[in-house]
């Protein structure tokens, strides 16, 4: 179990770095959006490239931030059942969810989205908008994000199994989001 937990820590560290990148993508998207609006209203100038880079950055926030959110146990879940069961039952719910849903879906979505990216990459696909950007970096976010989410699911599964066997203790508390 020690080797698997070490592997889990490597995955966690990797996704923390991508989470950090996602954090900065929020900042850059806001700065570009504000700069674009300012230039558009003050100088009556804009370019599609600035608009497109914003959606690239928003995509990066979601796809690179999701694995980090899972690592921090802040993802969306069906709290109706989860909050009313014991911590051990929560570990079992997570274990089954990762095994039966998250990891298989992540593998499938990574596999499905890679050709979408690759076709764009090898053809040097460019946006059809005037002043548009190359598209493959945005499309790369799909297989990369799904792959990172999948391996974070593996990391979380390792930790849940370790907790079920008593090798480690993890926090299973979940606070319902305020609405």
N, C-alpha and C. Protein backbone atom coordinates (compact mmCIF):
# COMPACT_ATOMS: atom_id res chain seq x y z
N UNK A 1 0.82 -1.19 0.00
CA UNK A 1 0.00 0.00 0.00
C UNK A 1 0.87 1.26 0.00
N UNK A 2 2.06 1.18 0.61
CA UNK A 2 2.95 2.34 0.66
C UNK A 2 3.35 2.84 -0.71
N UNK A 3 3.63 1.91 -1.63
CA UNK A 3 4.00 2.29 -2.99
C UNK A 3 2.85 2.97 -3.73
N UNK A 4 1.64 2.45 -3.52
CA UNK A 4 0.48 3.06 -4.16
C UNK A 4 0.20 4.46 -3.61
N UNK A 5 0.38 4.62 -2.30
CA UNK A 5 0.18 5.94 -1.70
C UNK A 5 1.25 6.93 -2.19
N UNK A 6 2.46 6.46 -2.41
CA UNK A 6 3.50 7.32 -2.97
C UNK A 6 3.13 7.74 -4.40
N UNK A 7 2.62 6.79 -5.17
CA UNK A 7 2.14 7.08 -6.53
C UNK A 7 1.01 8.11 -6.47
N UNK A 8 0.12 7.95 -5.51
CA UNK A 8 -0.99 8.89 -5.32
C UNK A 8 -0.48 10.29 -5.02
N UNK A 9 0.56 10.39 -4.20
CA UNK A 9 1.13 11.71 -3.88
C UNK A 9 1.75 12.36 -5.12
N UNK A 10 2.34 11.56 -6.00
CA UNK A 10 2.89 12.11 -7.24
C UNK A 10 1.76 12.68 -8.11
N UNK A 11 0.68 11.94 -8.23
CA UNK A 11 -0.47 12.42 -9.01
C UNK A 11 -1.03 13.69 -8.38
N UNK A 12 -1.18 13.69 -7.07
CA UNK A 12 -1.68 14.88 -6.37
C UNK A 12 -0.79 16.09 -6.64
N UNK A 13 0.52 15.89 -6.58
CA UNK A 13 1.45 16.99 -6.84
C UNK A 13 1.34 17.50 -8.26
N UNK A 14 1.20 16.59 -9.22
CA UNK A 14 1.04 16.99 -10.62
C UNK A 14 -0.22 17.83 -10.79
N UNK A 15 -1.32 17.36 -10.23
CA UNK A 15 -2.57 18.10 -10.40
C UNK A 15 -2.61 19.39 -9.60
N UNK A 16 -1.82 19.47 -8.54
CA UNK A 16 -1.69 20.76 -7.85
C UNK A 16 -1.03 21.78 -8.76
N UNK A 17 -0.04 21.34 -9.51
CA UNK A 17 0.64 22.25 -10.45
C UNK A 17 -0.33 22.71 -11.55
N UNK A 18 -1.12 21.78 -12.08
CA UNK A 18 -2.10 22.17 -13.09
C UNK A 18 -3.20 23.03 -12.47
N UNK A 19 -3.54 22.81 -11.21
CA UNK A 19 -4.50 23.67 -10.52
C UNK A 19 -3.96 25.08 -10.39
N UNK A 20 -2.67 25.20 -10.13
CA UNK A 20 -2.02 26.50 -10.06
C UNK A 20 -2.10 27.20 -11.41
N UNK A 21 -1.88 26.45 -12.49
CA UNK A 21 -2.00 27.02 -13.84
C UNK A 21 -3.43 27.49 -14.08
N UNK A 22 -4.41 26.68 -13.66
CA UNK A 22 -5.82 27.05 -13.83
C UNK A 22 -6.13 28.34 -13.06
N UNK A 23 -5.57 28.47 -11.87
CA UNK A 23 -5.76 29.70 -11.09
C UNK A 23 -5.28 30.92 -11.86
N UNK A 24 -4.11 30.82 -12.44
CA UNK A 24 -3.57 31.94 -13.19
C UNK A 24 -4.32 32.18 -14.49
N UNK A 25 -4.91 31.14 -15.05
CA UNK A 25 -5.73 31.33 -16.26
C UNK A 25 -6.94 32.21 -15.96
N UNK A 26 -7.49 32.11 -14.75
CA UNK A 26 -8.59 32.98 -14.35
C UNK A 26 -8.11 34.43 -14.37
N UNK A 27 -6.97 34.67 -13.77
CA UNK A 27 -6.41 36.02 -13.74
C UNK A 27 -6.16 36.55 -15.14
N UNK A 28 -5.50 35.75 -15.98
CA UNK A 28 -5.19 36.20 -17.34
C UNK A 28 -6.46 36.45 -18.14
N UNK A 29 -7.47 35.60 -17.98
CA UNK A 29 -8.74 35.79 -18.70
C UNK A 29 -9.39 37.11 -18.29
N UNK A 30 -9.36 37.42 -17.00
CA UNK A 30 -9.93 38.68 -16.52
C UNK A 30 -9.16 39.88 -17.06
N UNK A 31 -7.84 39.78 -17.02
CA UNK A 31 -7.01 40.89 -17.52
C UNK A 31 -7.21 41.11 -19.02
N UNK A 32 -7.26 40.02 -19.77
CA UNK A 32 -7.46 40.15 -21.22
C UNK A 32 -8.85 40.69 -21.51
N UNK A 33 -9.85 40.22 -20.78
CA UNK A 33 -11.21 40.71 -20.96
C UNK A 33 -11.31 42.20 -20.66
N UNK A 34 -10.73 42.62 -19.55
CA UNK A 34 -10.75 44.04 -19.19
C UNK A 34 -9.95 44.87 -20.18
N UNK A 35 -8.80 44.38 -20.58
CA UNK A 35 -7.99 45.10 -21.56
C UNK A 35 -8.69 45.21 -22.90
N UNK A 36 -9.31 44.13 -23.32
CA UNK A 36 -10.03 44.14 -24.59
C UNK A 36 -11.19 45.14 -24.55
N UNK A 37 -11.95 45.14 -23.45
CA UNK A 37 -13.06 46.08 -23.32
C UNK A 37 -12.57 47.52 -23.30
N UNK A 38 -11.48 47.75 -22.59
CA UNK A 38 -10.93 49.10 -22.50
C UNK A 38 -10.48 49.59 -23.87
N UNK A 39 -9.73 48.77 -24.58
CA UNK A 39 -9.24 49.15 -25.91
C UNK A 39 -10.41 49.33 -26.87
N UNK A 40 -11.41 48.47 -26.77
CA UNK A 40 -12.56 48.55 -27.67
C UNK A 40 -13.32 49.86 -27.46
N UNK A 41 -13.51 50.28 -26.22
CA UNK A 41 -14.28 51.50 -25.96
C UNK A 41 -13.44 52.77 -26.11
N UNK A 42 -12.17 52.71 -25.76
CA UNK A 42 -11.33 53.91 -25.87
C UNK A 42 -10.80 54.14 -27.28
N UNK A 43 -10.42 53.06 -27.95
CA UNK A 43 -9.77 53.18 -29.26
C UNK A 43 -10.60 52.62 -30.41
N UNK A 44 -11.78 52.11 -30.08
CA UNK A 44 -12.65 51.48 -31.08
C UNK A 44 -11.91 50.41 -31.87
N UNK A 45 -11.14 49.60 -31.15
CA UNK A 45 -10.37 48.53 -31.79
C UNK A 45 -10.56 47.23 -31.01
N UNK A 46 -10.70 46.16 -31.73
CA UNK A 46 -10.75 44.84 -31.10
C UNK A 46 -10.28 43.82 -32.11
N UNK A 47 -9.99 42.63 -31.62
CA UNK A 47 -9.57 41.55 -32.50
C UNK A 47 -10.19 40.25 -32.00
N UNK A 48 -10.50 39.39 -32.93
CA UNK A 48 -11.05 38.09 -32.57
C UNK A 48 -10.07 37.25 -31.76
N UNK A 49 -8.79 37.49 -31.98
CA UNK A 49 -7.78 36.74 -31.23
C UNK A 49 -7.92 36.95 -29.73
N UNK A 50 -8.22 38.18 -29.32
CA UNK A 50 -8.40 38.44 -27.89
C UNK A 50 -9.64 37.73 -27.35
N UNK A 51 -10.70 37.69 -28.13
CA UNK A 51 -11.90 36.98 -27.70
C UNK A 51 -11.65 35.48 -27.62
N UNK A 52 -10.94 34.96 -28.60
CA UNK A 52 -10.68 33.52 -28.62
C UNK A 52 -9.73 33.09 -27.49
N UNK A 53 -8.74 33.91 -27.19
CA UNK A 53 -7.83 33.54 -26.10
C UNK A 53 -8.58 33.46 -24.78
N UNK A 54 -9.63 34.28 -24.64
CA UNK A 54 -10.43 34.22 -23.43
C UNK A 54 -11.12 32.86 -23.29
N UNK A 55 -11.70 32.36 -24.37
CA UNK A 55 -12.36 31.06 -24.23
C UNK A 55 -11.34 29.93 -24.13
N UNK A 56 -10.15 30.10 -24.66
CA UNK A 56 -9.08 29.12 -24.41
C UNK A 56 -8.80 29.07 -22.91
N UNK A 57 -8.68 30.25 -22.31
CA UNK A 57 -8.36 30.33 -20.89
C UNK A 57 -9.51 29.80 -20.03
N UNK A 58 -10.74 30.09 -20.40
CA UNK A 58 -11.87 29.54 -19.64
C UNK A 58 -11.90 28.02 -19.73
N UNK A 59 -11.59 27.50 -20.92
CA UNK A 59 -11.50 26.05 -21.07
C UNK A 59 -10.41 25.46 -20.19
N UNK A 60 -9.28 26.15 -20.12
CA UNK A 60 -8.18 25.69 -19.26
C UNK A 60 -8.59 25.71 -17.80
N UNK A 61 -9.32 26.74 -17.39
CA UNK A 61 -9.78 26.82 -16.00
C UNK A 61 -10.61 25.59 -15.65
N UNK A 62 -11.55 25.25 -16.51
CA UNK A 62 -12.44 24.12 -16.22
C UNK A 62 -11.70 22.79 -16.33
N UNK A 63 -11.01 22.57 -17.43
CA UNK A 63 -10.42 21.26 -17.68
C UNK A 63 -9.16 20.98 -16.86
N UNK A 64 -8.41 22.01 -16.53
CA UNK A 64 -7.22 21.81 -15.69
C UNK A 64 -7.56 21.97 -14.21
N UNK A 65 -8.64 22.69 -13.93
CA UNK A 65 -9.04 22.90 -12.54
C UNK A 65 -9.87 21.76 -11.97
N UNK A 66 -10.55 21.00 -12.81
CA UNK A 66 -11.40 19.91 -12.33
C UNK A 66 -10.63 18.84 -11.54
N UNK A 67 -9.47 18.38 -12.03
CA UNK A 67 -8.73 17.39 -11.23
C UNK A 67 -8.28 17.93 -9.87
N UNK A 68 -7.89 19.19 -9.84
CA UNK A 68 -7.48 19.81 -8.58
C UNK A 68 -8.68 19.93 -7.63
N UNK A 69 -9.83 20.26 -8.18
CA UNK A 69 -11.06 20.34 -7.38
C UNK A 69 -11.39 18.97 -6.79
N UNK A 70 -11.24 17.92 -7.58
CA UNK A 70 -11.47 16.56 -7.08
C UNK A 70 -10.48 16.22 -5.97
N UNK A 71 -9.23 16.60 -6.15
CA UNK A 71 -8.21 16.33 -5.14
C UNK A 71 -8.56 16.98 -3.81
N UNK A 72 -9.13 18.17 -3.87
CA UNK A 72 -9.49 18.91 -2.66
C UNK A 72 -10.86 18.51 -2.10
N UNK A 73 -11.50 17.54 -2.74
CA UNK A 73 -12.81 17.04 -2.31
C UNK A 73 -13.86 18.16 -2.34
N UNK A 74 -13.76 19.03 -3.33
CA UNK A 74 -14.69 20.14 -3.45
C UNK A 74 -15.56 20.02 -4.70
N UNK A 75 -15.60 18.83 -5.28
CA UNK A 75 -16.40 18.61 -6.48
C UNK A 75 -17.87 18.47 -6.12
N UNK A 76 -18.71 18.55 -7.12
CA UNK A 76 -20.15 18.41 -6.93
C UNK A 76 -20.48 16.94 -6.72
N UNK A 77 -21.35 16.69 -5.77
CA UNK A 77 -21.81 15.32 -5.56
C UNK A 77 -23.27 15.34 -5.16
N UNK A 78 -23.88 14.18 -5.15
CA UNK A 78 -25.27 14.07 -4.73
C UNK A 78 -25.25 13.99 -3.21
N UNK A 79 -25.41 15.13 -2.58
CA UNK A 79 -25.24 15.20 -1.13
C UNK A 79 -26.43 14.68 -0.36
N UNK A 80 -27.55 14.42 -1.00
CA UNK A 80 -28.73 13.90 -0.33
C UNK A 80 -28.41 12.61 0.41
N UNK A 81 -27.72 11.72 -0.23
CA UNK A 81 -27.33 10.45 0.37
C UNK A 81 -26.02 10.58 1.14
N UNK A 82 -25.08 11.25 0.55
CA UNK A 82 -23.72 11.31 1.08
C UNK A 82 -23.66 11.89 2.49
N UNK A 83 -24.43 12.93 2.75
CA UNK A 83 -24.38 13.60 4.05
C UNK A 83 -25.05 12.79 5.16
N UNK A 84 -25.90 11.85 4.79
CA UNK A 84 -26.67 11.12 5.81
C UNK A 84 -26.09 9.76 6.18
N UNK A 85 -24.91 9.43 5.64
CA UNK A 85 -24.31 8.12 5.95
C UNK A 85 -23.03 8.31 6.75
N UNK A 86 -22.54 7.21 7.28
CA UNK A 86 -21.33 7.24 8.11
C UNK A 86 -20.09 7.53 7.26
N UNK A 87 -19.00 7.94 7.90
CA UNK A 87 -17.76 8.18 7.14
C UNK A 87 -17.29 6.95 6.36
N UNK A 88 -17.43 5.77 6.95
CA UNK A 88 -17.03 4.55 6.24
C UNK A 88 -17.90 4.32 5.00
N UNK A 89 -19.19 4.57 5.12
CA UNK A 89 -20.09 4.43 3.96
C UNK A 89 -19.72 5.44 2.88
N UNK A 90 -19.30 6.64 3.30
CA UNK A 90 -18.85 7.64 2.32
C UNK A 90 -17.64 7.15 1.55
N UNK A 91 -16.73 6.49 2.26
CA UNK A 91 -15.56 5.92 1.58
C UNK A 91 -15.98 4.89 0.54
N UNK A 92 -16.97 4.06 0.91
CA UNK A 92 -17.46 3.06 -0.03
C UNK A 92 -18.17 3.71 -1.22
N UNK A 93 -18.96 4.74 -0.97
CA UNK A 93 -19.63 5.45 -2.07
C UNK A 93 -18.60 6.03 -3.03
N UNK A 94 -17.58 6.67 -2.46
CA UNK A 94 -16.52 7.24 -3.31
C UNK A 94 -15.79 6.15 -4.09
N UNK A 95 -15.45 5.07 -3.41
CA UNK A 95 -14.73 3.96 -4.05
C UNK A 95 -15.52 3.42 -5.23
N UNK A 96 -16.81 3.18 -5.03
CA UNK A 96 -17.65 2.66 -6.12
C UNK A 96 -17.81 3.70 -7.23
N UNK A 97 -17.97 4.96 -6.85
CA UNK A 97 -18.13 6.01 -7.85
C UNK A 97 -16.89 6.17 -8.72
N UNK A 98 -15.71 6.15 -8.08
CA UNK A 98 -14.48 6.26 -8.85
C UNK A 98 -14.29 5.05 -9.76
N UNK A 99 -14.55 3.86 -9.21
CA UNK A 99 -14.32 2.62 -9.95
C UNK A 99 -15.30 2.42 -11.10
N UNK A 100 -16.58 2.70 -10.85
CA UNK A 100 -17.62 2.39 -11.83
C UNK A 100 -17.96 3.54 -12.77
N UNK A 101 -17.71 4.76 -12.33
CA UNK A 101 -18.14 5.90 -13.15
C UNK A 101 -16.97 6.78 -13.58
N UNK A 102 -16.29 7.40 -12.63
CA UNK A 102 -15.30 8.42 -12.98
C UNK A 102 -14.15 7.87 -13.83
N UNK A 103 -13.50 6.83 -13.37
CA UNK A 103 -12.32 6.33 -14.09
C UNK A 103 -12.69 5.78 -15.47
N UNK A 104 -13.73 4.93 -15.60
CA UNK A 104 -14.09 4.48 -16.96
C UNK A 104 -14.52 5.63 -17.88
N UNK A 105 -15.30 6.58 -17.35
CA UNK A 105 -15.72 7.71 -18.17
C UNK A 105 -14.53 8.57 -18.57
N UNK A 106 -13.60 8.78 -17.64
CA UNK A 106 -12.41 9.57 -17.94
C UNK A 106 -11.54 8.93 -19.01
N UNK A 107 -11.38 7.62 -18.91
CA UNK A 107 -10.60 6.90 -19.94
C UNK A 107 -11.28 7.03 -21.30
N UNK A 108 -12.58 6.83 -21.31
CA UNK A 108 -13.34 6.90 -22.57
C UNK A 108 -13.28 8.31 -23.17
N UNK A 109 -13.48 9.34 -22.36
CA UNK A 109 -13.46 10.71 -22.87
C UNK A 109 -12.05 11.12 -23.32
N UNK A 110 -11.03 10.66 -22.63
CA UNK A 110 -9.65 10.93 -23.07
C UNK A 110 -9.40 10.29 -24.43
N UNK A 111 -9.80 9.04 -24.56
CA UNK A 111 -9.61 8.30 -25.80
C UNK A 111 -10.42 8.94 -26.94
N UNK A 112 -11.64 9.35 -26.63
CA UNK A 112 -12.53 9.93 -27.64
C UNK A 112 -12.05 11.32 -28.10
N UNK A 113 -11.49 12.10 -27.19
CA UNK A 113 -11.12 13.47 -27.52
C UNK A 113 -9.72 13.59 -28.14
N UNK A 114 -8.89 12.57 -27.97
CA UNK A 114 -7.53 12.68 -28.53
C UNK A 114 -7.53 12.82 -30.05
N UNK A 115 -8.28 12.02 -30.82
CA UNK A 115 -8.27 12.22 -32.27
C UNK A 115 -8.78 13.60 -32.69
N UNK A 116 -9.72 14.16 -31.93
CA UNK A 116 -10.22 15.51 -32.18
C UNK A 116 -9.09 16.53 -32.10
N UNK A 117 -8.27 16.40 -31.05
CA UNK A 117 -7.09 17.25 -30.92
C UNK A 117 -6.08 16.95 -32.01
N UNK A 118 -5.77 15.68 -32.22
CA UNK A 118 -4.69 15.29 -33.14
C UNK A 118 -4.96 15.75 -34.56
N UNK A 119 -6.20 15.62 -35.00
CA UNK A 119 -6.57 16.07 -36.35
C UNK A 119 -6.31 17.57 -36.50
N UNK A 120 -6.65 18.31 -35.48
CA UNK A 120 -6.41 19.76 -35.49
C UNK A 120 -4.92 20.07 -35.49
N UNK A 121 -4.16 19.32 -34.72
CA UNK A 121 -2.72 19.54 -34.60
C UNK A 121 -2.00 19.27 -35.91
N UNK A 122 -2.26 18.12 -36.52
CA UNK A 122 -1.53 17.75 -37.74
C UNK A 122 -1.94 18.61 -38.94
N UNK A 123 -3.15 19.17 -38.90
CA UNK A 123 -3.59 20.01 -40.03
C UNK A 123 -3.35 21.50 -39.77
N UNK A 124 -2.75 21.82 -38.63
CA UNK A 124 -2.54 23.23 -38.27
C UNK A 124 -3.83 24.04 -38.40
N UNK A 125 -4.90 23.50 -37.87
CA UNK A 125 -6.21 24.13 -37.97
C UNK A 125 -6.19 25.51 -37.30
N UNK A 126 -6.78 26.46 -38.00
CA UNK A 126 -6.86 27.84 -37.54
C UNK A 126 -8.32 28.25 -37.52
N UNK A 127 -8.66 29.10 -36.58
CA UNK A 127 -10.02 29.62 -36.49
C UNK A 127 -10.41 30.28 -37.81
N UNK A 128 -11.67 30.15 -38.18
CA UNK A 128 -12.14 30.76 -39.42
C UNK A 128 -12.45 32.24 -39.24
N UNK A 129 -12.40 32.73 -38.02
CA UNK A 129 -12.62 34.15 -37.77
C UNK A 129 -11.40 34.95 -38.17
N UNK A 130 -11.62 36.14 -38.68
CA UNK A 130 -10.51 37.02 -39.03
C UNK A 130 -9.71 37.33 -37.78
N UNK A 131 -8.40 37.16 -37.85
CA UNK A 131 -7.55 37.41 -36.69
C UNK A 131 -7.64 36.30 -35.66
N UNK A 132 -8.21 35.17 -36.04
CA UNK A 132 -8.37 34.05 -35.11
C UNK A 132 -7.07 33.33 -34.85
N UNK A 133 -7.10 32.46 -33.87
CA UNK A 133 -5.91 31.75 -33.40
C UNK A 133 -5.88 30.32 -33.92
N UNK A 134 -4.73 29.68 -33.75
CA UNK A 134 -4.66 28.24 -34.03
C UNK A 134 -5.54 27.52 -33.00
N UNK A 135 -6.15 26.43 -33.40
CA UNK A 135 -7.14 25.77 -32.55
C UNK A 135 -6.61 24.61 -31.73
N UNK A 136 -5.49 24.01 -32.15
CA UNK A 136 -5.07 22.79 -31.46
C UNK A 136 -4.76 23.00 -29.98
N UNK A 137 -4.24 24.15 -29.52
CA UNK A 137 -4.01 24.27 -28.08
C UNK A 137 -5.30 24.16 -27.26
N UNK A 138 -6.37 24.75 -27.77
CA UNK A 138 -7.65 24.65 -27.07
C UNK A 138 -8.16 23.20 -27.11
N UNK A 139 -7.99 22.55 -28.23
CA UNK A 139 -8.45 21.17 -28.35
C UNK A 139 -7.59 20.20 -27.55
N UNK A 140 -6.33 20.55 -27.33
CA UNK A 140 -5.45 19.73 -26.48
C UNK A 140 -5.96 19.68 -25.04
N UNK A 141 -6.62 20.74 -24.61
CA UNK A 141 -7.14 20.78 -23.25
C UNK A 141 -8.12 19.65 -22.96
N UNK A 142 -8.85 19.20 -23.97
CA UNK A 142 -9.83 18.12 -23.76
C UNK A 142 -9.17 16.81 -23.34
N UNK A 143 -8.31 16.20 -24.17
CA UNK A 143 -7.72 14.93 -23.71
C UNK A 143 -6.83 15.12 -22.48
N UNK A 144 -6.13 16.25 -22.40
CA UNK A 144 -5.27 16.49 -21.24
C UNK A 144 -6.11 16.61 -19.97
N UNK A 145 -7.16 17.41 -20.02
CA UNK A 145 -8.01 17.58 -18.84
C UNK A 145 -8.67 16.29 -18.41
N UNK A 146 -9.19 15.52 -19.36
CA UNK A 146 -9.83 14.25 -19.02
C UNK A 146 -8.82 13.24 -18.49
N UNK A 147 -7.63 13.23 -19.06
CA UNK A 147 -6.58 12.31 -18.56
C UNK A 147 -6.17 12.69 -17.15
N UNK A 148 -5.99 13.99 -16.88
CA UNK A 148 -5.63 14.42 -15.53
C UNK A 148 -6.74 14.10 -14.54
N UNK A 149 -7.99 14.28 -14.94
CA UNK A 149 -9.12 13.94 -14.07
C UNK A 149 -9.14 12.43 -13.80
N UNK A 150 -8.85 11.64 -14.81
CA UNK A 150 -8.83 10.19 -14.65
C UNK A 150 -7.75 9.76 -13.67
N UNK A 151 -6.54 10.28 -13.84
CA UNK A 151 -5.47 9.86 -12.92
C UNK A 151 -5.70 10.41 -11.52
N UNK A 152 -6.37 11.56 -11.41
CA UNK A 152 -6.72 12.04 -10.06
C UNK A 152 -7.76 11.12 -9.45
N UNK A 153 -8.66 10.60 -10.27
CA UNK A 153 -9.61 9.60 -9.79
C UNK A 153 -8.90 8.36 -9.29
N UNK A 154 -7.86 7.94 -9.98
CA UNK A 154 -7.06 6.80 -9.53
C UNK A 154 -6.40 7.13 -8.18
N UNK A 155 -5.86 8.32 -8.06
CA UNK A 155 -5.24 8.75 -6.81
C UNK A 155 -6.25 8.73 -5.66
N UNK A 156 -7.44 9.26 -5.92
CA UNK A 156 -8.47 9.29 -4.89
C UNK A 156 -8.95 7.88 -4.54
N UNK A 157 -9.01 7.02 -5.54
CA UNK A 157 -9.38 5.62 -5.29
C UNK A 157 -8.34 4.95 -4.39
N UNK A 158 -7.08 5.17 -4.67
CA UNK A 158 -6.01 4.61 -3.83
C UNK A 158 -6.18 5.08 -2.39
N UNK A 159 -6.43 6.37 -2.21
CA UNK A 159 -6.58 6.91 -0.85
C UNK A 159 -7.81 6.34 -0.16
N UNK A 160 -8.91 6.16 -0.89
CA UNK A 160 -10.13 5.61 -0.27
C UNK A 160 -9.91 4.15 0.14
N UNK A 161 -9.26 3.38 -0.71
CA UNK A 161 -8.98 1.98 -0.37
C UNK A 161 -8.04 1.91 0.83
N UNK A 162 -7.04 2.77 0.84
CA UNK A 162 -6.11 2.81 1.98
C UNK A 162 -6.85 3.18 3.26
N UNK A 163 -7.79 4.10 3.16
CA UNK A 163 -8.58 4.48 4.35
C UNK A 163 -9.49 3.34 4.79
N UNK A 164 -10.06 2.62 3.84
CA UNK A 164 -10.92 1.48 4.18
C UNK A 164 -10.15 0.36 4.86
N UNK A 165 -8.89 0.20 4.49
CA UNK A 165 -8.06 -0.84 5.11
C UNK A 165 -7.38 -0.38 6.39
N UNK A 166 -7.55 0.91 6.72
CA UNK A 166 -6.97 1.44 7.95
C UNK A 166 -5.54 1.93 7.80
N UNK A 167 -5.01 1.97 6.58
CA UNK A 167 -3.63 2.41 6.38
C UNK A 167 -3.47 3.92 6.59
N UNK A 168 -4.51 4.67 6.25
CA UNK A 168 -4.49 6.13 6.44
C UNK A 168 -5.87 6.57 6.91
N UNK A 169 -5.94 7.80 7.35
CA UNK A 169 -7.23 8.42 7.64
C UNK A 169 -7.40 9.60 6.71
N UNK A 170 -8.59 9.71 6.13
CA UNK A 170 -8.88 10.86 5.29
C UNK A 170 -10.19 11.48 5.73
N UNK A 171 -10.32 12.74 5.44
CA UNK A 171 -11.52 13.49 5.80
C UNK A 171 -12.60 13.20 4.77
N UNK A 172 -13.76 12.77 5.24
CA UNK A 172 -14.87 12.50 4.32
C UNK A 172 -16.01 13.50 4.49
N UNK A 173 -15.83 14.47 5.38
CA UNK A 173 -16.90 15.45 5.58
C UNK A 173 -17.13 16.23 4.30
N UNK A 174 -18.39 16.49 4.09
CA UNK A 174 -18.78 17.25 2.90
C UNK A 174 -19.75 18.33 3.37
N UNK A 175 -19.46 19.55 3.04
CA UNK A 175 -20.33 20.66 3.41
C UNK A 175 -21.19 21.03 2.22
N UNK A 176 -22.49 20.99 2.44
CA UNK A 176 -23.42 21.32 1.37
C UNK A 176 -23.19 22.76 0.94
N UNK A 177 -23.12 23.01 -0.38
CA UNK A 177 -22.92 24.39 -0.84
C UNK A 177 -24.09 25.29 -0.43
N UNK A 178 -23.76 26.52 -0.11
CA UNK A 178 -24.81 27.49 0.22
C UNK A 178 -25.50 27.92 -1.06
N UNK A 179 -26.82 28.00 -0.98
CA UNK A 179 -27.57 28.37 -2.20
C UNK A 179 -28.47 29.52 -1.93
